[in-house]
């Protein structure tokens, strides 16, 4: 393509003149002269205005196509231009380790394979792409359909994630995990450190809804922060990941219903810090969990609350945990509900 060679200080002026003369190609990219940084190459088409042609030389330069910026740019090479221009393609997808999860509507689904291939082309560290068909079952796991996998790679949904500098194994098809609480988990670490300084010894910690252990890894990685640890989950698959992820000699890990722990005398009044992360059922479960906490211990958890129920839920929480319990909305969960965090100290 023909380019004008112009001094750098003239670039904006020449661009405007070419545009006015309809001589500037769509998507034109200005390039630096590789031999002289004081000059730029500006592409042009058609006839140049005499005022430009008389003062600047032109040169024929091979133009490299622009690098794809999103996966949708790769679809042009995989599908016909008519299809690419006629479909409203998905704009959001989720990374889970070396997997990508994407939601598709009925129109997009027929091109799921091409979408998966395009995502692999765009994201070199991704191993496989799955359609997310939604959360299913008691354990709220993802219903996943394979769209594309990199050649000679494993198509399983088992993957390793990094959160706050810690590595965890997980599997979105068999266990629940959400990166959206990662900042909250940083707050849990700060809460635990403050409590440890207050009691003057390592904490006895209980996380009966631990999942694959994202709340616990930061705690056990901090020297002298945790003494004894109880971690559990009702999902057997999550417990298997817990045992793999939590390498801590003073940990007890069980597959159990947290609401039944109060029936074990050795568990009652034992824990300095109780984490309650079962957002859809937290308020219902809390009365069964309180006997586990020692006097002066802290209960910290999360609940999904409908906006219309916020005041009622706040009062219910304070009736259960005491008037000093803090309760705040952290972020939107849906159009009508928010994820709320609470924290309370068990009083005598």
Protein backbone atom coordinates (compact mmCIF):
# COMPACT_ATOMS: atom_id res chain seq x y z
CA UNK A 1 0.00 0.00 0.00
CA UNK A 2 1.22 3.49 -0.82
CA UNK A 3 2.29 5.64 2.14
CA UNK A 4 3.37 9.23 2.49
CA UNK A 5 6.63 9.86 4.31
CA UNK A 6 6.08 12.94 6.46
CA UNK A 7 7.90 14.63 9.38
CA UNK A 8 6.43 13.63 12.73
CA UNK A 9 5.26 17.17 13.51
CA UNK A 10 3.16 17.21 10.29
CA UNK A 11 1.35 13.94 11.00
CA UNK A 12 -1.92 15.30 12.44
CA UNK A 13 -2.25 17.98 9.79
CA UNK A 14 -1.71 15.55 6.90
CA UNK A 15 -4.15 13.06 8.40
CA UNK A 16 -6.84 15.73 8.49
CA UNK A 17 -6.14 16.77 4.89
CA UNK A 18 -6.22 13.18 3.62
CA UNK A 19 -9.46 12.56 5.48
CA UNK A 20 -11.04 15.68 3.97
CA UNK A 21 -9.96 14.52 0.49
CA UNK A 22 -11.35 10.98 1.08
CA UNK A 23 -7.81 9.69 0.56
CA UNK A 24 -7.41 8.13 4.01
CA UNK A 25 -8.25 4.40 4.04
CA UNK A 26 -10.56 3.03 6.72
CA UNK A 27 -8.62 1.78 9.72
CA UNK A 28 -5.48 3.56 8.55
CA UNK A 29 -2.47 3.01 10.79
CA UNK A 30 0.43 5.43 11.00
CA UNK A 31 3.83 3.75 11.23
CA UNK A 32 7.22 5.02 12.32
CA UNK A 33 10.00 5.10 9.73
CA UNK A 34 12.26 2.28 11.04
CA UNK A 35 15.34 4.16 9.80
CA UNK A 36 14.45 7.63 11.10
CA UNK A 37 12.24 8.14 14.17
CA UNK A 38 11.59 11.75 13.12
CA UNK A 39 9.41 10.57 10.21
CA UNK A 40 6.10 8.74 9.91
CA UNK A 41 4.45 6.72 7.14
CA UNK A 42 0.78 7.53 6.47
CA UNK A 43 -1.25 5.27 4.12
CA UNK A 44 -3.38 6.83 1.39
CA UNK A 45 -5.67 5.78 -1.46
CA UNK A 46 -6.68 7.49 -4.72
CA UNK A 47 -5.32 10.79 -5.88
CA UNK A 48 -3.48 13.08 -3.50
CA UNK A 49 -4.28 16.77 -3.26
CA UNK A 50 -1.57 18.71 -5.12
CA UNK A 51 -0.64 20.56 -1.93
CA UNK A 52 0.41 17.23 -0.43
CA UNK A 53 1.78 15.47 -3.51
CA UNK A 54 4.18 18.32 -4.26
CA UNK A 55 5.79 18.35 -0.80
CA UNK A 56 5.98 14.71 0.34
CA UNK A 57 7.40 11.56 -1.19
CA UNK A 58 5.49 8.29 -1.30
CA UNK A 59 6.67 4.73 -0.82
CA UNK A 60 5.00 1.35 -1.28
CA UNK A 61 4.95 -0.55 2.06
CA UNK A 62 3.68 -4.06 2.71
CA UNK A 63 1.03 -3.68 5.41
CA UNK A 64 0.61 -6.42 7.99
CA UNK A 65 -2.99 -7.04 9.06
CA UNK A 66 -3.72 -5.80 12.58
CA UNK A 67 -3.44 -8.38 15.34
CA UNK A 68 -6.84 -9.69 16.50
CA UNK A 69 -7.99 -7.81 19.58
CA UNK A 70 -10.79 -10.16 20.66
CA UNK A 71 -11.87 -13.71 19.90
CA UNK A 72 -14.52 -12.28 17.56
CA UNK A 73 -11.76 -11.09 15.20
CA UNK A 74 -10.74 -14.76 14.73
CA UNK A 75 -14.27 -15.74 13.75
CA UNK A 76 -13.77 -13.99 10.41
CA UNK A 77 -11.29 -16.71 9.42
CA UNK A 78 -13.50 -19.51 10.74
CA UNK A 79 -16.94 -18.49 9.43
CA UNK A 80 -18.30 -16.64 6.44
CA UNK A 81 -18.35 -12.84 6.64
CA UNK A 82 -22.12 -12.97 6.24
CA UNK A 83 -22.50 -15.07 9.38
CA UNK A 84 -20.02 -13.01 11.38
CA UNK A 85 -21.84 -9.78 10.55
CA UNK A 86 -25.32 -11.20 11.18
CA UNK A 87 -24.87 -12.64 14.71
CA UNK A 88 -24.64 -10.81 18.02
CA UNK A 89 -21.72 -12.69 19.55
CA UNK A 90 -21.20 -13.20 23.29
CA UNK A 91 -19.19 -10.39 24.88
CA UNK A 92 -18.41 -12.02 28.24
CA UNK A 93 -16.70 -15.22 29.29
CA UNK A 94 -15.15 -16.50 32.51
CA UNK A 95 -11.65 -17.82 33.08
CA UNK A 96 -11.29 -20.68 35.57
CA UNK A 97 -7.65 -21.75 35.62
CA UNK A 98 -6.80 -22.85 32.09
CA UNK A 99 -10.48 -23.18 31.15
CA UNK A 100 -12.90 -20.68 29.64
CA UNK A 101 -16.61 -20.91 30.43
CA UNK A 102 -19.04 -19.06 28.18
CA UNK A 103 -22.83 -18.77 28.05
CA UNK A 104 -24.58 -18.98 24.67
CA UNK A 105 -28.10 -18.31 23.49
CA UNK A 106 -29.92 -20.51 20.96
CA UNK A 107 -28.66 -18.58 17.94
CA UNK A 108 -25.05 -18.55 19.13
CA UNK A 109 -25.07 -22.21 20.17
CA UNK A 110 -25.06 -23.52 16.58
CA UNK A 111 -21.65 -21.86 16.18
CA UNK A 112 -20.34 -23.07 19.55
CA UNK A 113 -17.44 -25.00 18.03
CA UNK A 114 -16.21 -21.96 16.09
CA UNK A 115 -16.57 -19.77 19.18
CA UNK A 116 -14.50 -22.26 21.18
CA UNK A 117 -11.80 -22.44 18.49
CA UNK A 118 -11.69 -18.64 18.26
CA UNK A 119 -11.27 -18.33 22.03
CA UNK A 120 -8.38 -20.81 21.94
CA UNK A 121 -6.73 -18.78 19.17
CA UNK A 122 -7.11 -15.58 21.17
CA UNK A 123 -6.00 -16.95 24.56
CA UNK A 124 -2.83 -19.00 24.21
CA UNK A 125 -2.85 -20.19 27.84
CA UNK A 126 -6.35 -21.65 27.64
CA UNK A 127 -6.57 -25.44 27.37
CA UNK A 128 -10.29 -25.93 26.72
CA UNK A 129 -13.53 -23.98 26.27
CA UNK A 130 -16.88 -25.07 27.68
CA UNK A 131 -20.41 -23.80 27.32
CA UNK A 132 -21.83 -22.98 30.74
CA UNK A 133 -25.39 -24.30 30.78
CA UNK A 134 -26.04 -22.99 34.30
CA UNK A 135 -25.80 -24.08 37.92
CA UNK A 136 -27.40 -27.38 38.80
CA UNK A 137 -28.01 -29.71 41.73
CA UNK A 138 -27.73 -29.50 45.50
CA UNK A 139 -24.05 -28.56 45.34
CA UNK A 140 -24.57 -25.76 42.77
CA UNK A 141 -22.06 -27.06 40.24
CA UNK A 142 -21.81 -26.05 36.59
CA UNK A 143 -23.44 -28.04 33.80
CA UNK A 144 -20.62 -27.83 31.22
CA UNK A 145 -20.49 -28.83 27.54
CA UNK A 146 -17.15 -29.05 25.74
CA UNK A 147 -16.87 -26.65 22.80
CA UNK A 148 -13.16 -26.89 21.93
CA UNK A 149 -9.93 -28.28 23.34
CA UNK A 150 -6.37 -27.59 22.29
CA UNK A 151 -4.81 -30.38 20.24
CA UNK A 152 -3.17 -33.12 22.33
CA UNK A 153 -4.50 -31.56 25.54
CA UNK A 154 -6.73 -32.98 28.27
CA UNK A 155 -10.43 -32.14 27.88
CA UNK A 156 -11.27 -32.62 31.57
CA UNK A 157 -12.76 -29.84 33.70
CA UNK A 158 -10.21 -30.30 36.50
CA UNK A 159 -7.98 -27.23 36.67
CA UNK A 160 -5.68 -25.25 38.94
CA UNK A 161 -6.45 -21.65 39.90
CA UNK A 162 -4.41 -18.92 41.57
CA UNK A 163 -6.09 -16.70 44.13
CA UNK A 164 -4.23 -14.08 46.15
CA UNK A 165 -0.97 -15.84 45.34
CA UNK A 166 -2.19 -19.30 46.40
CA UNK A 167 -2.70 -22.32 44.13
CA UNK A 168 -5.84 -24.47 44.41
CA UNK A 169 -7.15 -27.41 42.44
CA UNK A 170 -10.84 -27.26 41.54
CA UNK A 171 -13.37 -28.56 39.06
CA UNK A 172 -16.34 -26.34 38.15
CA UNK A 173 -18.32 -29.39 37.01
CA UNK A 174 -18.15 -31.10 40.42
CA UNK A 175 -17.57 -28.39 43.07
CA UNK A 176 -18.64 -24.81 43.65
CA UNK A 177 -16.02 -22.09 43.51
CA UNK A 178 -16.40 -18.35 42.87
CA UNK A 179 -13.53 -15.92 42.37
CA UNK A 180 -15.92 -13.09 43.19
CA UNK A 181 -15.31 -13.57 46.90
CA UNK A 182 -11.52 -13.30 46.60
CA UNK A 183 -11.49 -9.76 48.03
CA UNK A 184 -13.73 -10.89 50.88
CA UNK A 185 -11.26 -13.66 51.64
CA UNK A 186 -8.51 -11.05 51.93
CA UNK A 187 -10.71 -9.38 54.55
CA UNK A 188 -11.01 -12.68 56.39
CA UNK A 189 -7.23 -12.84 56.70
CA UNK A 190 -7.14 -9.32 58.17
CA UNK A 191 -9.94 -10.23 60.60
CA UNK A 192 -8.08 -13.37 61.74
CA UNK A 193 -4.81 -11.50 62.25
CA UNK A 194 -6.53 -8.90 64.40
CA UNK A 195 -8.22 -11.60 66.50
CA UNK A 196 -4.94 -13.51 66.90
CA UNK A 197 -3.24 -10.37 68.20
CA UNK A 198 -6.10 -9.91 70.64
CA UNK A 199 -6.06 -13.43 72.11
CA UNK A 200 -2.28 -13.73 71.98
CA UNK A 201 -2.14 -17.23 70.49
CA UNK A 202 -2.87 -19.10 67.23
CA UNK A 203 -6.57 -19.36 66.47
CA UNK A 204 -8.83 -22.39 66.48
CA UNK A 205 -10.69 -22.03 63.16
CA UNK A 206 -13.82 -23.68 61.77
CA UNK A 207 -14.85 -23.50 58.10
CA UNK A 208 -17.69 -26.03 57.72
CA UNK A 209 -18.57 -24.85 54.18
CA UNK A 210 -14.99 -24.76 52.97
CA UNK A 211 -15.46 -25.86 49.36
CA UNK A 212 -11.99 -26.42 47.87
CA UNK A 213 -10.39 -24.25 50.58
CA UNK A 214 -9.93 -20.72 49.16
CA UNK A 215 -10.64 -19.06 52.54
CA UNK A 216 -8.25 -21.34 54.42
CA UNK A 217 -5.08 -21.27 52.34
CA UNK A 218 -4.27 -17.63 53.20
CA UNK A 219 -4.87 -18.36 56.90
CA UNK A 220 -2.69 -21.45 57.20
CA UNK A 221 0.03 -19.81 55.10
CA UNK A 222 0.44 -17.05 57.69
CA UNK A 223 2.94 -18.12 60.42
CA UNK A 224 1.42 -18.69 63.86
CA UNK A 225 -2.04 -17.58 62.78
CA UNK A 226 -3.92 -20.89 62.94
CA UNK A 227 -3.59 -23.63 65.54
CA UNK A 228 -6.27 -26.27 65.15
CA UNK A 229 -8.41 -26.22 62.03
CA UNK A 230 -11.68 -27.91 61.18
CA UNK A 231 -12.67 -27.84 57.50
CA UNK A 232 -15.69 -29.55 56.04
CA UNK A 233 -18.20 -29.65 53.23
CA UNK A 234 -21.28 -31.65 52.36
CA UNK A 235 -20.03 -32.27 48.81
CA UNK A 236 -17.70 -35.32 48.74
CA UNK A 237 -15.91 -33.99 45.65
CA UNK A 238 -15.13 -30.72 47.45
CA UNK A 239 -13.73 -32.65 50.42
CA UNK A 240 -11.38 -34.55 48.13
CA UNK A 241 -10.05 -31.23 46.80
CA UNK A 242 -9.80 -29.92 50.36
CA UNK A 243 -7.54 -32.80 51.29
CA UNK A 244 -5.42 -32.08 48.22
CA UNK A 245 -5.25 -28.31 48.70
CA UNK A 246 -4.94 -28.00 52.49
CA UNK A 247 -1.60 -29.45 53.48
CA UNK A 248 -1.76 -28.69 57.19
CA UNK A 249 -0.90 -31.17 59.91
CA UNK A 250 -3.32 -29.71 62.49
CA UNK A 251 -6.32 -29.84 60.15
CA UNK A 252 -9.33 -32.11 60.54
CA UNK A 253 -11.20 -32.45 57.23
CA UNK A 254 -14.60 -34.15 57.04
CA UNK A 255 -17.48 -34.64 54.66
CA UNK A 256 -20.33 -33.67 56.96
CA UNK A 257 -23.46 -31.60 57.41
CA UNK A 258 -22.37 -28.48 59.33
CA UNK A 259 -25.71 -28.31 61.15
CA UNK A 260 -24.96 -31.60 62.91
CA UNK A 261 -21.65 -30.50 64.42
CA UNK A 262 -23.44 -29.02 67.43
CA UNK A 263 -24.43 -32.56 68.44
CA UNK A 264 -20.78 -33.41 69.07
CA UNK A 265 -19.80 -32.16 72.56
CA UNK A 266 -16.11 -31.89 71.66
CA UNK A 267 -16.98 -29.33 68.94
CA UNK A 268 -19.06 -26.95 71.06
CA UNK A 269 -17.53 -23.75 72.43
CA UNK A 270 -14.23 -24.60 70.77
CA UNK A 271 -13.64 -22.16 67.92
CA UNK A 272 -12.25 -18.63 67.91
CA UNK A 273 -13.25 -17.97 64.29
CA UNK A 274 -16.22 -19.46 62.43
CA UNK A 275 -16.64 -18.87 58.69
CA UNK A 276 -20.14 -19.26 57.26
CA UNK A 277 -20.12 -19.28 53.47
CA UNK A 278 -23.34 -20.86 52.26
CA UNK A 279 -24.95 -17.65 51.00
CA UNK A 280 -28.34 -19.00 49.96
CA UNK A 281 -28.97 -20.67 53.35
CA UNK A 282 -26.80 -18.76 55.83
CA UNK A 283 -29.53 -17.17 57.93
CA UNK A 284 -31.33 -20.50 58.23
CA UNK A 285 -28.16 -22.36 59.29
CA UNK A 286 -26.78 -19.84 61.79
CA UNK A 287 -28.69 -21.01 64.91
CA UNK A 288 -27.20 -24.50 64.49
CA UNK A 289 -23.67 -23.11 64.15
CA UNK A 290 -23.50 -20.71 67.08
CA UNK A 291 -22.84 -23.45 69.70
CA UNK A 292 -19.50 -24.13 67.97
CA UNK A 293 -18.07 -20.70 68.84
CA UNK A 294 -16.44 -19.86 72.17
CA UNK A 295 -17.48 -16.76 74.07
CA UNK A 296 -15.71 -13.79 72.52
CA UNK A 297 -15.15 -15.67 69.27
CA UNK A 298 -16.03 -14.17 65.88
CA UNK A 299 -18.57 -15.35 63.34
CA UNK A 300 -17.94 -14.04 59.82
CA UNK A 301 -20.09 -14.95 56.84
CA UNK A 302 -22.04 -14.03 53.73
CA UNK A 303 -25.69 -14.17 52.73
CA UNK A 304 -27.63 -13.44 49.55
CA UNK A 305 -30.47 -11.13 50.48
CA UNK A 306 -33.31 -9.77 48.38
CA UNK A 307 -33.23 -5.98 48.42
CA UNK A 308 -36.83 -5.92 49.62
CA UNK A 309 -35.83 -8.12 52.60
CA UNK A 310 -32.70 -6.24 53.64
CA UNK A 311 -34.08 -4.60 56.79
CA UNK A 312 -35.90 -7.74 57.90
CA UNK A 313 -32.80 -9.89 57.35
CA UNK A 314 -30.61 -7.42 59.18
CA UNK A 315 -32.91 -7.53 62.19
CA UNK A 316 -33.05 -11.34 62.08
CA UNK A 317 -29.27 -11.49 62.02
CA UNK A 318 -28.96 -9.17 65.01
CA UNK A 319 -31.61 -11.13 66.88
CA UNK A 320 -29.49 -14.25 66.28
CA UNK A 321 -25.98 -12.85 66.75
CA UNK A 322 -26.53 -9.83 68.96
CA UNK A 323 -27.12 -6.12 68.49
CA UNK A 324 -23.45 -5.41 67.74
CA UNK A 325 -23.42 -7.55 64.61
CA UNK A 326 -22.37 -5.64 61.48
CA UNK A 327 -24.27 -6.30 58.26
CA UNK A 328 -23.47 -4.64 54.95
CA UNK A 329 -24.22 -5.08 51.29
CA UNK A 330 -21.03 -5.91 49.37
CA UNK A 331 -22.09 -6.22 45.74
CA UNK A 332 -25.01 -7.01 43.46
CA UNK A 333 -25.85 -10.68 43.06
CA UNK A 334 -28.83 -10.28 40.73
CA UNK A 335 -31.24 -7.60 39.62
CA UNK A 336 -33.13 -7.89 42.90
CA UNK A 337 -30.60 -9.31 45.40
CA UNK A 338 -27.24 -8.41 46.94
CA UNK A 339 -24.43 -10.40 48.50
CA UNK A 340 -24.13 -9.19 52.09
CA UNK A 341 -21.36 -9.73 54.61
CA UNK A 342 -21.85 -9.97 58.35
CA UNK A 343 -19.50 -10.18 61.30
CA UNK A 344 -20.27 -10.60 64.99
CA UNK A 345 -18.62 -11.47 68.25
CA UNK A 346 -20.29 -14.12 70.39
CA UNK A 347 -21.25 -12.50 73.68
CA UNK A 348 -21.86 -14.19 76.99
